[in-house]
C-alpha atoms as a PDB file:
ATOM      1  CA  MET A   1       6.902  -6.203  17.341  1.00  0.00           C
ATOM      2  CA  GLU A   2       3.821  -8.308  15.812  1.00  0.00           C
ATOM      3  CA  ASP A   3       4.078  -9.460  12.105  1.00  0.00           C
ATOM      4  CA  HIS A   4       0.868 -10.294  10.013  1.00  0.00           C
ATOM      5  CA  ARG A   5       1.040 -11.447   6.582  1.00  0.00           C
ATOM      6  CA  ALA A   6      -1.191 -12.389   3.813  1.00  0.00           C
ATOM      7  CA  THR A   7      -0.333 -13.613   0.171  1.00  0.00           C
ATOM      8  CA  PHE A   8      -2.322 -13.758  -3.037  1.00  0.00           C
ATOM      9  CA  GLU A   9      -1.336 -15.859  -5.855  1.00  0.00           C
ATOM     10  CA  ILE A  10      -1.834 -14.094  -9.154  1.00  0.00           C
ATOM     11  CA  ASP A  11      -2.633 -16.815 -11.434  1.00  0.00           C
ATOM     12  CA  SER A  12      -4.916 -15.316 -13.997  1.00  0.00           C
ATOM     13  CA  LYS A  13      -5.901 -11.863 -15.610  1.00  0.00           C
ATOM     14  CA  THR A  14      -8.947 -11.873 -13.365  1.00  0.00           C
ATOM     15  CA  ASP A  15      -6.430 -12.095 -10.348  1.00  0.00           C
ATOM     16  CA  ALA A  16      -4.168  -9.347 -11.893  1.00  0.00           C
ATOM     17  CA  HIS A  17      -7.343  -7.062 -12.349  1.00  0.00           C
ATOM     18  CA  ALA A  18      -8.508  -7.712  -8.888  1.00  0.00           C
ATOM     19  CA  VAL A  19      -4.783  -6.761  -7.451  1.00  0.00           C
ATOM     20  CA  GLU A  20      -4.719  -3.640  -9.730  1.00  0.00           C
ATOM     21  CA  ARG A  21      -8.106  -2.400  -8.223  1.00  0.00           C
ATOM     22  CA  LEU A  22      -6.926  -3.068  -4.665  1.00  0.00           C
ATOM     23  CA  LEU A  23      -3.604  -1.122  -5.354  1.00  0.00           C
ATOM     24  CA  ASP A  24      -5.541   1.695  -6.870  1.00  0.00           C
ATOM     25  CA  ARG A  25      -7.514   2.204  -3.985  1.00  0.00           C
ATOM     26  CA  LEU A  26      -4.432   1.916  -1.568  1.00  0.00           C
ATOM     27  CA  TYR A  27      -2.616   4.531  -3.667  1.00  0.00           C
ATOM     28  CA  ASP A  28      -5.787   6.801  -3.524  1.00  0.00           C
ATOM     29  CA  SER A  29      -6.039   6.508   0.129  1.00  0.00           C
ATOM     30  CA  VAL A  30      -2.377   6.978   0.710  1.00  0.00           C
ATOM     31  CA  ARG A  31      -2.517   9.977  -1.571  1.00  0.00           C
ATOM     32  CA  GLU A  32      -5.542  11.476   0.300  1.00  0.00           C
ATOM     33  CA  GLU A  33      -3.733  10.965   3.596  1.00  0.00           C
ATOM     34  CA  SER A  34      -0.750  12.899   2.378  1.00  0.00           C
ATOM     35  CA  ARG A  35      -2.583  15.820   1.180  1.00  0.00           C
ATOM     36  CA  THR A  36      -4.516  16.075   4.485  1.00  0.00           C
ATOM     37  CA  VAL A  37      -2.241  15.241   7.210  1.00  0.00           C
ATOM     38  CA  ARG A  38       1.423  15.271   5.974  1.00  0.00           C
ATOM     39  CA  MET A  39       1.254  17.896   3.057  1.00  0.00           C
ATOM     40  CA  ASN A  40       4.498  18.604   1.375  1.00  0.00           C
ATOM     41  CA  THR A  41       6.638  16.796   4.004  1.00  0.00           C
ATOM     42  CA  GLU A  42       9.522  14.949   2.524  1.00  0.00           C
ATOM     43  CA  ASP A  43       8.404  11.580   3.928  1.00  0.00           C
ATOM     44  CA  SER A  44       4.720  11.861   2.413  1.00  0.00           C
ATOM     45  CA  THR A  45       6.379  12.458  -1.036  1.00  0.00           C
ATOM     46  CA  ALA A  46       8.767   9.667  -0.865  1.00  0.00           C
ATOM     47  CA  THR A  47       5.927   7.234   0.504  1.00  0.00           C
ATOM     48  CA  LEU A  48       3.695   8.574  -2.510  1.00  0.00           C
ATOM     49  CA  ALA A  49       6.347   7.601  -4.903  1.00  0.00           C
ATOM     50  CA  GLU A  50       6.857   4.269  -3.625  1.00  0.00           C
ATOM     51  CA  PHE A  51       2.944   3.553  -3.723  1.00  0.00           C
ATOM     52  CA  GLU A  52       2.864   4.751  -7.241  1.00  0.00           C
ATOM     53  CA  SER A  53       5.528   2.709  -8.286  1.00  0.00           C
ATOM     54  CA  VAL A  54       3.787  -0.482  -6.924  1.00  0.00           C
ATOM     55  CA  ARG A  55       0.424   0.695  -8.517  1.00  0.00           C
ATOM     56  CA  GLU A  56       2.190   1.216 -11.910  1.00  0.00           C
ATOM     57  CA  ALA A  57       3.380  -2.344 -11.754  1.00  0.00           C
ATOM     58  CA  ALA A  58       0.161  -3.834 -11.095  1.00  0.00           C
ATOM     59  CA  ARG A  59      -1.055  -2.131 -14.426  1.00  0.00           C
ATOM     60  CA  ARG A  60       1.002  -4.537 -16.397  1.00  0.00           C
ATOM     61  CA  PRO A  61      -1.020  -7.740 -15.745  1.00  0.00           C
ATOM     62  CA  ARG A  62       1.505 -10.656 -15.253  1.00  0.00           C
ATOM     63  CA  PRO A  63       1.459 -13.839 -12.952  1.00  0.00           C
ATOM     64  CA  GLY A  64       3.036 -13.295  -9.698  1.00  0.00           C
ATOM     65  CA  ARG A  65       2.294 -12.829  -6.021  1.00  0.00           C
ATOM     66  CA  LEU A  66       0.973 -10.056  -3.907  1.00  0.00           C
ATOM     67  CA  THR A  67       2.293 -10.161  -0.188  1.00  0.00           C
ATOM     68  CA  VAL A  68       0.903  -7.793   2.465  1.00  0.00           C
ATOM     69  CA  VAL A  69       2.848  -7.172   5.650  1.00  0.00           C
ATOM     70  CA  LEU A  70       1.742  -5.306   8.573  1.00  0.00           C
ATOM     71  CA  GLU A  71       4.268  -4.767  11.237  1.00  0.00           C
ATOM     72  CA  GLN A  72       2.863  -3.355  14.554  1.00  0.00           C
ATOM     73  CA  ARG A  73       4.970  -2.132  17.351  1.00  0.00           C
ATOM     74  CA  ASP A  74       4.348  -3.145  20.868  1.00  0.00           C
ATOM     75  CA  GLU A  75       3.630   0.314  22.285  1.00  0.00           C
ATOM     76  CA  PRO A  76       0.328   2.559  21.719  1.00  0.00           C
ATOM     77  CA  PHE A  77      -0.010   5.836  19.804  1.00  0.00           C
ATOM     78  CA  GLU A  78       0.854   8.790  22.178  1.00  0.00           C
ATOM     79  CA  THR A  79      -1.999  10.668  23.366  1.00  0.00           C
ATOM     80  CA  THR A  80      -2.247  14.309  23.756  1.00  0.00           C
ATOM     81  CA  ASP A  81      -5.219  14.826  26.106  1.00  0.00           C
END
């Protein structure tokens, strides 16, 4: 499994605002994906709640750190053709 990480230090209100905007867009994308592809499944509801929690935390501007982790498995997606 490959592991990719990026860290953004939140040292100012400007940084905090940038993180808030980023997480708002991420939440919106996850919500849209949940509506169109995984509508009303248990995992989509839990995932959306987790992302909503992170988004709400970002709305309280404080110093900190945002770390993004992408873990990729070695196998490709299954094809249906």
